[in-house]
Amino acid sequence: LLHLVKLDGLDGRGSTQLSGGQIQRAALARALAPSPAVLLLDEPFSHLDLPNRMLIRDLLLALVGEGTSCLFVTHDATDALSIADT
């Protein structure tokens, strides 16, 4: 999962040694670990630069395509419209 969110090689670091975006991606990896049927996300793109925002958006779209339901909160209409199907 760390490879999936582009955190290869950072598994030995504590949260105080990670950037805000890395913490956000690590939290997503932890949420995905038990293979949930429903994923609840609060501002999943906050603290992410554009390349990582695109990475996580594509990952969430892939999860939805595989049958995982995602419910997320965002204040960015562009993010909401780029992912939402309902």
Protein backbone atom coordinates (compact mmCIF):
# COMPACT_ATOMS: atom_id res chain seq x y z
CA LEU A 1 0.00 0.00 0.00
CA LEU A 2 2.91 2.37 0.62
CA HIS A 3 3.99 1.79 -2.97
CA LEU A 4 0.44 2.54 -4.13
CA VAL A 5 0.52 5.99 -2.46
CA LYS A 6 4.16 6.64 -3.45
CA LEU A 7 5.67 6.36 0.03
CA ASP A 8 8.22 3.66 -0.82
CA GLY A 9 11.12 3.66 1.61
CA LEU A 10 9.42 5.84 4.22
CA ASP A 11 7.95 3.00 6.29
CA GLY A 12 10.48 3.51 9.09
CA ARG A 13 9.66 7.19 9.63
CA GLY A 14 7.35 8.50 12.31
CA SER A 15 4.62 11.03 11.59
CA THR A 16 6.82 13.88 12.86
CA GLN A 17 9.30 13.05 10.10
CA LEU A 18 6.76 13.28 7.26
CA SER A 19 5.38 16.27 5.37
CA GLY A 20 1.68 17.10 5.48
CA GLY A 21 1.10 15.46 2.13
CA GLN A 22 3.02 12.36 3.17
CA ILE A 23 0.93 12.12 6.34
CA GLN A 24 -2.23 12.41 4.24
CA ARG A 25 -1.08 9.61 1.92
CA ALA A 26 -0.01 7.42 4.86
CA ALA A 27 -3.47 7.86 6.39
CA LEU A 28 -5.03 6.71 3.13
CA ALA A 29 -2.77 3.65 3.05
CA ARG A 30 -3.82 2.80 6.63
CA ALA A 31 -7.49 3.21 5.70
CA LEU A 32 -7.05 0.86 2.73
CA ALA A 33 -5.21 -1.85 4.71
CA PRO A 34 -8.33 -3.77 5.82
CA SER A 35 -9.84 -3.61 2.27
CA PRO A 36 -12.97 -1.72 3.34
CA ALA A 37 -16.22 -1.91 1.40
CA VAL A 38 -16.82 1.77 2.17
CA LEU A 39 -14.11 4.39 2.50
CA LEU A 40 -14.95 7.60 4.41
CA LEU A 41 -12.63 10.50 3.58
CA ASP A 42 -12.48 14.03 4.97
CA GLU A 43 -10.63 16.41 2.63
CA PRO A 44 -8.52 13.63 1.05
CA PHE A 45 -6.69 16.10 -1.21
CA SER A 46 -5.67 18.66 1.40
CA HIS A 47 -1.91 19.19 1.80
CA LEU A 48 -1.25 17.49 -1.54
CA ASP A 49 0.63 19.08 -4.42
CA LEU A 50 -0.80 18.67 -7.91
CA PRO A 51 1.02 15.44 -8.87
CA ASN A 52 0.01 13.72 -5.62
CA ARG A 53 -3.52 15.11 -5.87
CA MET A 54 -3.80 13.48 -9.29
CA LEU A 55 -2.28 10.24 -7.95
CA ILE A 56 -4.80 9.99 -5.11
CA ARG A 57 -7.71 11.02 -7.36
CA ASP A 58 -6.81 8.26 -9.83
CA LEU A 59 -6.41 5.78 -6.96
CA LEU A 60 -9.87 6.64 -5.61
CA LEU A 61 -11.39 6.32 -9.08
CA ALA A 62 -9.77 2.89 -9.44
CA LEU A 63 -11.11 1.81 -6.04
CA VAL A 64 -14.61 2.89 -7.00
CA GLY A 65 -14.24 1.03 -10.28
CA GLU A 66 -13.36 -2.10 -8.30
CA GLY A 67 -16.45 -1.79 -6.13
CA THR A 68 -15.28 0.21 -3.09
CA SER A 69 -17.75 2.93 -2.19
CA CYS A 70 -16.15 6.25 -1.27
CA LEU A 71 -17.85 9.02 0.62
CA PHE A 72 -15.72 12.11 0.90
CA VAL A 73 -16.01 15.67 2.10
CA THR A 74 -14.39 18.45 0.10
CA HIS A 75 -14.77 22.19 -0.25
CA ASP A 76 -13.35 22.10 -3.77
CA ALA A 77 -16.07 21.74 -6.40
CA THR A 78 -13.52 20.66 -9.02
CA ASP A 79 -12.41 17.74 -6.85
CA ALA A 80 -16.00 16.74 -6.15
CA LEU A 81 -17.04 16.85 -9.80
CA SER A 82 -13.94 15.00 -10.99
CA ILE A 83 -14.70 11.96 -8.82
CA ALA A 84 -18.38 11.95 -7.95
CA ASP A 85 -20.83 9.77 -9.80
CA THR A 86 -23.66 10.44 -7.37
